Each structure stands twice: as structure tokens, then as C-alpha cells.
Amino acid sequence: MDQFIGEEELDRQLREAAPYIDDDGFTRRVLKQLPVQPAPARLRGLILILTATLASVLTYVVSGGGRFVTDSLAQLFQLPQLWLLALALTAGILVGALGLAAAIFKAREPVLISR
């Protein structure tokens, strides 16, 4: 049981923000024991492209040949200008907030530094 790092020692190491905590080769040994399974990347990509294409064609056919797009645009252009301004402002704020949240989330991701 003395092989484990105590909570105080681990807390001290984390507080010092060490980029790497020595694990005495544990990670390397575990990765060597994992089974290697080559992923068929080309087949997976082909399946994703075919599925997306099929879904797009099916959606276009079921929606009446894209008629809903022109109908939606016609309804949008019939709105008063104040409503259009409010809609554009709301969309801009929403996109900006999502971009800011993504940037903050990306900045908080830990950076792995290999030695």
C-alpha cells in the first residue's frame, strides 16, 4: 500500500502545475497491452459520404423538392423591418455567444506535453 502517492503529495504536484507527473512507465505498459485494431479509414469515410448523400437526396424528395426553402424565405420577407432587425440581432448574439463559449472551452482543454 506504500506504493500509492498520498493525497497531500498528489495535491502538491497538481498545485505546482507540473506538465507531467511521472507514472514510472505505467501509461506506456498499458498502451502496449491494448490490442491494435487498424481502422478502415477509407471504408468508414465512404460509408459516411454515401449515408450523407442518401439522407440529403431523401430529404430533398420528401420536402417537395426544396419548396419549403422558398416558402420560408417568402414568409421571412413579409415580416416588418423591425422584426427582421430583431431577428438578425438575436441571431448575431446567439452565434457570437456560441463562438465565445467554444473559444473558452477550447482554452480550458489540457495541453498534453510528451517528453
N, C-alpha and C. Protein backbone atom coordinates (compact mmCIF):
# COMPACT_ATOMS: atom_id res chain seq x y z
N MET A 1 0.81 -1.20 0.00
CA MET A 1 0.00 0.00 0.00
C MET A 1 0.85 1.26 0.00
N ASP A 2 2.14 1.12 0.30
CA ASP A 2 3.01 2.29 0.32
C ASP A 2 3.39 2.75 -1.08
N GLN A 3 3.00 1.99 -2.11
CA GLN A 3 3.36 2.34 -3.47
C GLN A 3 2.52 3.50 -4.00
N PHE A 4 1.37 3.74 -3.41
CA PHE A 4 0.47 4.78 -3.88
C PHE A 4 0.95 6.14 -3.40
N ILE A 5 0.72 7.16 -4.22
CA ILE A 5 1.06 8.52 -3.85
C ILE A 5 -0.02 9.02 -2.90
N GLY A 6 0.39 9.64 -1.81
CA GLY A 6 -0.55 10.17 -0.85
C GLY A 6 -1.30 11.36 -1.43
N GLU A 7 -2.45 11.67 -0.85
CA GLU A 7 -3.26 12.78 -1.35
C GLU A 7 -2.52 14.11 -1.25
N GLU A 8 -1.77 14.29 -0.16
CA GLU A 8 -1.04 15.54 0.00
C GLU A 8 0.02 15.70 -1.08
N GLU A 9 0.74 14.62 -1.39
CA GLU A 9 1.78 14.68 -2.41
C GLU A 9 1.17 14.94 -3.79
N LEU A 10 0.06 14.28 -4.09
CA LEU A 10 -0.62 14.48 -5.37
C LEU A 10 -1.15 15.91 -5.48
N ASP A 11 -1.75 16.42 -4.40
CA ASP A 11 -2.23 17.80 -4.39
C ASP A 11 -1.08 18.78 -4.61
N ARG A 12 0.06 18.52 -3.98
CA ARG A 12 1.21 19.40 -4.15
C ARG A 12 1.69 19.40 -5.59
N GLN A 13 1.76 18.21 -6.20
CA GLN A 13 2.22 18.11 -7.58
C GLN A 13 1.25 18.80 -8.53
N LEU A 14 -0.05 18.66 -8.30
CA LEU A 14 -1.03 19.32 -9.16
C LEU A 14 -1.01 20.84 -8.96
N ARG A 15 -0.81 21.29 -7.72
CA ARG A 15 -0.75 22.73 -7.48
C ARG A 15 0.46 23.36 -8.16
N GLU A 16 1.53 22.65 -8.25
CA GLU A 16 2.73 23.18 -8.90
C GLU A 16 2.59 23.19 -10.42
N ALA A 17 1.48 22.66 -10.92
CA ALA A 17 1.16 22.66 -12.35
C ALA A 17 2.28 22.02 -13.16
N ALA A 18 2.75 20.90 -12.67
CA ALA A 18 3.77 20.17 -13.42
C ALA A 18 3.13 19.66 -14.71
N PRO A 19 3.77 19.87 -15.87
CA PRO A 19 3.18 19.43 -17.12
C PRO A 19 3.11 17.91 -17.22
N TYR A 20 3.89 17.20 -16.41
CA TYR A 20 3.89 15.74 -16.49
C TYR A 20 4.17 15.19 -15.12
N ILE A 21 3.35 14.28 -14.68
CA ILE A 21 3.56 13.59 -13.42
C ILE A 21 4.09 12.21 -13.76
N ASP A 22 5.26 11.89 -13.28
CA ASP A 22 5.91 10.63 -13.62
C ASP A 22 5.08 9.46 -13.12
N ASP A 23 4.77 8.53 -14.02
CA ASP A 23 3.99 7.36 -13.66
C ASP A 23 4.82 6.08 -13.74
N ASP A 24 6.11 6.23 -13.82
CA ASP A 24 7.05 5.11 -13.83
C ASP A 24 6.76 4.14 -14.98
N GLY A 25 6.39 4.68 -16.14
CA GLY A 25 6.17 3.85 -17.32
C GLY A 25 4.83 3.14 -17.36
N PHE A 26 3.91 3.47 -16.46
CA PHE A 26 2.62 2.78 -16.40
C PHE A 26 1.82 2.98 -17.69
N THR A 27 1.75 4.23 -18.15
CA THR A 27 0.98 4.53 -19.36
C THR A 27 1.52 3.76 -20.55
N ARG A 28 2.83 3.72 -20.71
CA ARG A 28 3.45 3.02 -21.83
C ARG A 28 3.13 1.52 -21.77
N ARG A 29 3.19 0.93 -20.56
CA ARG A 29 2.90 -0.50 -20.43
C ARG A 29 1.45 -0.81 -20.77
N VAL A 30 0.52 0.06 -20.33
CA VAL A 30 -0.89 -0.17 -20.61
C VAL A 30 -1.15 -0.06 -22.12
N LEU A 31 -0.57 0.95 -22.77
CA LEU A 31 -0.77 1.12 -24.20
C LEU A 31 -0.20 -0.05 -25.00
N LYS A 32 0.88 -0.64 -24.54
CA LYS A 32 1.45 -1.80 -25.23
C LYS A 32 0.55 -3.03 -25.13
N GLN A 33 -0.21 -3.13 -24.04
CA GLN A 33 -1.07 -4.29 -23.84
C GLN A 33 -2.40 -4.19 -24.58
N LEU A 34 -2.76 -3.00 -25.02
CA LEU A 34 -4.02 -2.83 -25.74
C LEU A 34 -3.94 -3.48 -27.11
N PRO A 35 -5.02 -4.12 -27.55
CA PRO A 35 -4.99 -4.74 -28.88
C PRO A 35 -5.00 -3.67 -29.97
N VAL A 36 -4.21 -3.92 -31.00
CA VAL A 36 -4.11 -2.99 -32.12
C VAL A 36 -5.15 -3.40 -33.16
N GLN A 37 -6.05 -2.49 -33.47
CA GLN A 37 -7.08 -2.75 -34.45
C GLN A 37 -7.04 -1.64 -35.49
N PRO A 38 -6.50 -1.94 -36.65
CA PRO A 38 -6.46 -0.89 -37.67
C PRO A 38 -7.87 -0.55 -38.15
N ALA A 39 -8.17 0.72 -38.11
CA ALA A 39 -9.49 1.17 -38.54
C ALA A 39 -9.49 1.37 -40.05
N PRO A 40 -10.46 0.80 -40.74
CA PRO A 40 -10.54 1.00 -42.19
C PRO A 40 -11.05 2.42 -42.48
N ALA A 41 -10.13 3.36 -42.50
CA ALA A 41 -10.49 4.78 -42.63
C ALA A 41 -11.19 5.08 -43.95
N ARG A 42 -10.70 4.49 -45.04
CA ARG A 42 -11.32 4.77 -46.34
C ARG A 42 -12.75 4.24 -46.40
N LEU A 43 -12.96 3.04 -45.89
CA LEU A 43 -14.30 2.45 -45.90
C LEU A 43 -15.24 3.27 -45.02
N ARG A 44 -14.76 3.68 -43.86
CA ARG A 44 -15.58 4.48 -42.96
C ARG A 44 -15.95 5.81 -43.61
N GLY A 45 -14.99 6.46 -44.26
CA GLY A 45 -15.26 7.72 -44.94
C GLY A 45 -16.25 7.54 -46.07
N LEU A 46 -16.11 6.46 -46.85
CA LEU A 46 -17.02 6.20 -47.95
C LEU A 46 -18.44 5.96 -47.44
N ILE A 47 -18.56 5.21 -46.36
CA ILE A 47 -19.88 4.95 -45.78
C ILE A 47 -20.52 6.26 -45.30
N LEU A 48 -19.74 7.13 -44.65
CA LEU A 48 -20.28 8.41 -44.18
C LEU A 48 -20.73 9.30 -45.33
N ILE A 49 -19.93 9.35 -46.40
CA ILE A 49 -20.29 10.18 -47.55
C ILE A 49 -21.55 9.65 -48.23
N LEU A 50 -21.64 8.33 -48.41
CA LEU A 50 -22.82 7.74 -49.05
C LEU A 50 -24.07 7.94 -48.19
N THR A 51 -23.93 7.77 -46.89
CA THR A 51 -25.07 7.96 -46.00
C THR A 51 -25.55 9.41 -46.01
N ALA A 52 -24.61 10.36 -45.97
CA ALA A 52 -24.98 11.78 -46.01
C ALA A 52 -25.64 12.14 -47.33
N THR A 53 -25.11 11.59 -48.43
CA THR A 53 -25.71 11.86 -49.75
C THR A 53 -27.12 11.29 -49.84
N LEU A 54 -27.29 10.06 -49.38
CA LEU A 54 -28.61 9.43 -49.40
C LEU A 54 -29.60 10.21 -48.54
N ALA A 55 -29.16 10.64 -47.36
CA ALA A 55 -30.04 11.40 -46.47
C ALA A 55 -30.41 12.74 -47.10
N SER A 56 -29.47 13.38 -47.77
CA SER A 56 -29.76 14.67 -48.43
C SER A 56 -30.76 14.51 -49.56
N VAL A 57 -30.57 13.49 -50.39
CA VAL A 57 -31.49 13.25 -51.50
C VAL A 57 -32.88 12.91 -50.97
N LEU A 58 -32.94 12.06 -49.96
CA LEU A 58 -34.22 11.67 -49.38
C LEU A 58 -34.93 12.89 -48.78
N THR A 59 -34.20 13.74 -48.09
CA THR A 59 -34.79 14.95 -47.51
C THR A 59 -35.32 15.88 -48.59
N TYR A 60 -34.55 16.04 -49.65
CA TYR A 60 -34.97 16.90 -50.76
C TYR A 60 -36.26 16.39 -51.39
N VAL A 61 -36.35 15.07 -51.60
CA VAL A 61 -37.53 14.49 -52.24
C VAL A 61 -38.74 14.58 -51.31
N VAL A 62 -38.55 14.26 -50.04
CA VAL A 62 -39.67 14.26 -49.09
C VAL A 62 -40.17 15.67 -48.84
N SER A 63 -39.29 16.68 -48.92
CA SER A 63 -39.70 18.06 -48.62
C SER A 63 -40.35 18.75 -49.81
N GLY A 64 -40.60 18.05 -50.88
CA GLY A 64 -41.26 18.65 -52.03
C GLY A 64 -40.29 19.38 -52.94
N GLY A 65 -39.11 18.87 -53.05
CA GLY A 65 -38.13 19.47 -53.95
C GLY A 65 -37.56 20.77 -53.44
N GLY A 66 -37.46 20.94 -52.14
CA GLY A 66 -36.89 22.16 -51.59
C GLY A 66 -37.85 23.33 -51.57
N ARG A 67 -39.11 23.07 -51.77
CA ARG A 67 -40.10 24.14 -51.81
C ARG A 67 -40.21 24.86 -50.47
N PHE A 68 -39.94 24.15 -49.39
CA PHE A 68 -40.04 24.77 -48.06
C PHE A 68 -39.05 25.93 -47.91
N VAL A 69 -37.93 25.88 -48.63
CA VAL A 69 -36.94 26.95 -48.52
C VAL A 69 -37.51 28.24 -49.12
N THR A 70 -38.07 28.15 -50.30
CA THR A 70 -38.64 29.35 -50.93
C THR A 70 -39.85 29.85 -50.16
N ASP A 71 -40.66 28.95 -49.63
CA ASP A 71 -41.81 29.36 -48.81
C ASP A 71 -41.34 30.09 -47.54
N SER A 72 -40.31 29.56 -46.91
CA SER A 72 -39.79 30.19 -45.68
C SER A 72 -39.21 31.56 -45.98
N LEU A 73 -38.49 31.70 -47.08
CA LEU A 73 -37.93 33.00 -47.45
C LEU A 73 -39.04 34.00 -47.77
N ALA A 74 -40.10 33.55 -48.44
CA ALA A 74 -41.21 34.45 -48.75
C ALA A 74 -41.87 34.94 -47.47
N GLN A 75 -42.06 34.05 -46.50
CA GLN A 75 -42.64 34.45 -45.23
C GLN A 75 -41.72 35.39 -44.47
N LEU A 76 -40.41 35.15 -44.56
CA LEU A 76 -39.45 35.99 -43.86
C LEU A 76 -39.44 37.40 -44.41
N PHE A 77 -39.54 37.53 -45.73
CA PHE A 77 -39.51 38.86 -46.35
C PHE A 77 -40.81 39.63 -46.13
N GLN A 78 -41.85 38.97 -45.69
CA GLN A 78 -43.11 39.65 -45.41
C GLN A 78 -43.15 40.23 -43.99
N LEU A 79 -42.16 39.93 -43.18
CA LEU A 79 -42.11 40.46 -41.82
C LEU A 79 -41.78 41.95 -41.84
N PRO A 80 -42.25 42.69 -40.83
CA PRO A 80 -41.89 44.11 -40.74
C PRO A 80 -40.38 44.26 -40.51
N GLN A 81 -39.83 45.42 -40.88
CA GLN A 81 -38.39 45.64 -40.78
C GLN A 81 -37.89 45.56 -39.35
N LEU A 82 -38.68 45.99 -38.41
CA LEU A 82 -38.27 45.92 -37.00
C LEU A 82 -38.10 44.47 -36.56
N TRP A 83 -38.99 43.60 -37.00
CA TRP A 83 -38.87 42.18 -36.69
C TRP A 83 -37.62 41.58 -37.33
N LEU A 84 -37.33 41.98 -38.57
CA LEU A 84 -36.12 41.48 -39.24
C LEU A 84 -34.87 41.94 -38.51
N LEU A 85 -34.87 43.19 -38.05
CA LEU A 85 -33.74 43.71 -37.29
C LEU A 85 -33.57 42.93 -35.99
N ALA A 86 -34.67 42.69 -35.29
CA ALA A 86 -34.60 41.93 -34.04
C ALA A 86 -34.13 40.50 -34.29
N LEU A 87 -34.60 39.90 -35.38
CA LEU A 87 -34.18 38.54 -35.71
C LEU A 87 -32.70 38.48 -36.04
N ALA A 88 -32.20 39.45 -36.81
CA ALA A 88 -30.78 39.50 -37.16
C ALA A 88 -29.92 39.75 -35.92
N LEU A 89 -30.37 40.63 -35.05
CA LEU A 89 -29.63 40.92 -33.82
C LEU A 89 -29.58 39.69 -32.91
N THR A 90 -30.70 39.02 -32.77
CA THR A 90 -30.75 37.81 -31.94
C THR A 90 -29.85 36.72 -32.51
N ALA A 91 -29.89 36.54 -33.83
CA ALA A 91 -29.03 35.52 -34.45
C ALA A 91 -27.56 35.88 -34.26
N GLY A 92 -27.20 37.14 -34.40
CA GLY A 92 -25.82 37.57 -34.21
C GLY A 92 -25.34 37.35 -32.79
N ILE A 93 -26.20 37.69 -31.82
CA ILE A 93 -25.84 37.47 -30.42
C ILE A 93 -25.68 35.98 -30.12
N LEU A 94 -26.58 35.17 -30.66
CA LEU A 94 -26.51 33.73 -30.44
C LEU A 94 -25.24 33.13 -31.04
N VAL A 95 -24.92 33.50 -32.26
CA VAL A 95 -23.72 32.97 -32.90
C VAL A 95 -22.47 33.46 -32.17
N GLY A 96 -22.46 34.72 -31.76
CA GLY A 96 -21.32 35.25 -31.01
C GLY A 96 -21.14 34.55 -29.68
N ALA A 97 -22.25 34.29 -28.98
CA ALA A 97 -22.17 33.61 -27.68
C ALA A 97 -21.67 32.19 -27.85
N LEU A 98 -22.15 31.50 -28.88
CA LEU A 98 -21.68 30.13 -29.12
C LEU A 98 -20.19 30.12 -29.48
N GLY A 99 -19.75 31.09 -30.27
CA GLY A 99 -18.34 31.18 -30.61
C GLY A 99 -17.49 31.47 -29.39
N LEU A 100 -17.95 32.36 -28.54
CA LEU A 100 -17.23 32.68 -27.31
C LEU A 100 -17.16 31.46 -26.39
N ALA A 101 -18.28 30.74 -26.27
CA ALA A 101 -18.29 29.54 -25.43
C ALA A 101 -17.32 28.50 -25.98
N ALA A 102 -17.28 28.33 -27.29
CA ALA A 102 -16.36 27.37 -27.89
C ALA A 102 -14.92 27.78 -27.66
N ALA A 103 -14.63 29.08 -27.75
CA ALA A 103 -13.27 29.56 -27.53
C ALA A 103 -12.84 29.35 -26.08
N ILE A 104 -13.75 29.62 -25.15
CA ILE A 104 -13.43 29.42 -23.73
C ILE A 104 -13.23 27.95 -23.44
N PHE A 105 -14.09 27.10 -23.99
CA PHE A 105 -13.96 25.66 -23.77
C PHE A 105 -12.65 25.15 -24.35
N LYS A 106 -12.28 25.63 -25.53
CA LYS A 106 -11.04 25.21 -26.17
C LYS A 106 -9.83 25.67 -25.35
N ALA A 107 -9.91 26.84 -24.75
CA ALA A 107 -8.80 27.35 -23.96
C ALA A 107 -8.62 26.58 -22.67
N ARG A 108 -9.66 25.96 -22.18
CA ARG A 108 -9.58 25.19 -20.93
C ARG A 108 -9.11 23.76 -21.12
N GLU A 109 -9.03 23.29 -22.36
CA GLU A 109 -8.59 21.93 -22.60
C GLU A 109 -7.14 21.78 -22.18
N PRO A 110 -6.82 20.69 -21.49
CA PRO A 110 -5.43 20.50 -21.08
C PRO A 110 -4.54 20.21 -22.28
N VAL A 111 -3.36 20.75 -22.23
CA VAL A 111 -2.39 20.53 -23.29
C VAL A 111 -1.48 19.40 -22.85
N LEU A 112 -1.44 18.34 -23.64
CA LEU A 112 -0.59 17.20 -23.31
C LEU A 112 0.80 17.43 -23.89
N ILE A 113 1.77 17.40 -23.03
CA ILE A 113 3.16 17.58 -23.46
C ILE A 113 3.87 16.26 -23.24
N SER A 114 4.34 15.66 -24.31
CA SER A 114 5.04 14.40 -24.18
C SER A 114 6.53 14.67 -24.04
N ARG A 115 7.15 13.87 -23.24
CA ARG A 115 8.59 14.05 -23.02
C ARG A 115 9.35 12.97 -23.75
